[in-house]
Amino acid sequence: MSRFARRAFLAACTFIVGALGLPSQTLAQPARTVRILVGFPAGGGTDAIARLLSEKLKDELGMPVIVENKPGAGGQLAAQALKAAPADGSTYFISHDHTITILPMVSKNPGFDSARDFVPVAGFASFVNAFALSSGTPAKSLNEYVAWVRSQGQGKGVVGVPAPASTPEFLVKVLAEKFKLDLVSAPYRGSAPMIGDMLGNQIAAGVGSVPDFIDNHKGGRIRVVAVLGAKRQPTLPEVPTLAELGIAGFEDLPFYGFFAPAGTPRAAIDGFSAALAKVIAMPDVRERLTALGLDVEFMTSAQLASRERAYAKAWAEIIRASGFQPQ
């Protein structure tokens, strides 16, 4: 070996030995940017909530927080992306009950197992779904809508839902059975395109979350005529619950929470959870979330997991009773 080759070899060995002696955090740097995955298009309720929280979280976490939309299949694509993401504290998924709890029960191959592939990080709110009408529909209440549908071609009607095999779609099935109507669900890739068609009077009715509808309802462009849950909503005190209208079984409230890939370090989970708790305690954030129709409520990782299990149990019975077969 030549003198030059020996020197090069010794230099390489010195570098390798030095690198092996470096602290572990130098070799595997902690996350410098946090991604929040959203399973629905920009402009919808979940997207608005994610962007509101991300603006505050970046200050609490001391690093950039970006929102990444991966719409499709009721959040399934975003959930699959979370499963494939590195478990290093850099990626979180903001989701409500549908993707995490219901979708695995109605899909033969969702591409993820919530209990195995994800870890609950923290919850921050519960919310209710609502039945709403486009402004071009003459009905001003659910009963008037039922009467109107009956007058339109033998009781046939189309109701938009933000995702297939979701809470909204099961509600449509229940309404069709109760009122003896031929109601057909029209699944969309999220609430934003559904509401776009409602604003354009392409569909007469839709089911979605109160955060999805609230601004257009207050602006008179869409009419919310019934809400799910056990009580009327503070943001919609004039709107009756389904239970008031004689339709029981939709009292359990869905939830919003953050989830991380399984194996994410506990320190990262605890840090994100603590930051979220501070953010939702801020008066301006709480006020905005409440205005969107959310009941702000911090849940620890363990509390969110317990909430998820209880909701899954309740919906397993609803799905079984409906006769729905996984697709």
Foldseek 3Di string as FASTA:
>chain_A
DDPVVVVVVVVVVVVVVVVVPDDPCVVPPADQEAEEEEAFDPPFLQNVLVVLLQVQLCVLVVHHYYYDYNWDQQSLRVVLVQLVDDLRLRYKYKDKQCNLFQQVVQAPCSNDHNVAWKFFQKFWWWFWKFKKWFLVDPDQAPVSVQVVCCVPDNQEFEEEEAHPRGPFVLVQVLVCVVSVHRYHYDYHRGLVVVVVCSLVVVHTMYMGILLRCLVCCVVSRMPTHEIEADADFPLCNPHYHVVVVVRDLRHQIMTIGMMHTPPRDPVSSVSSLVSSVVSCPDVVNVVVCVSSRIDTDMGGSVRVVVSSVVVNVSVVVSCVVSVRHRD
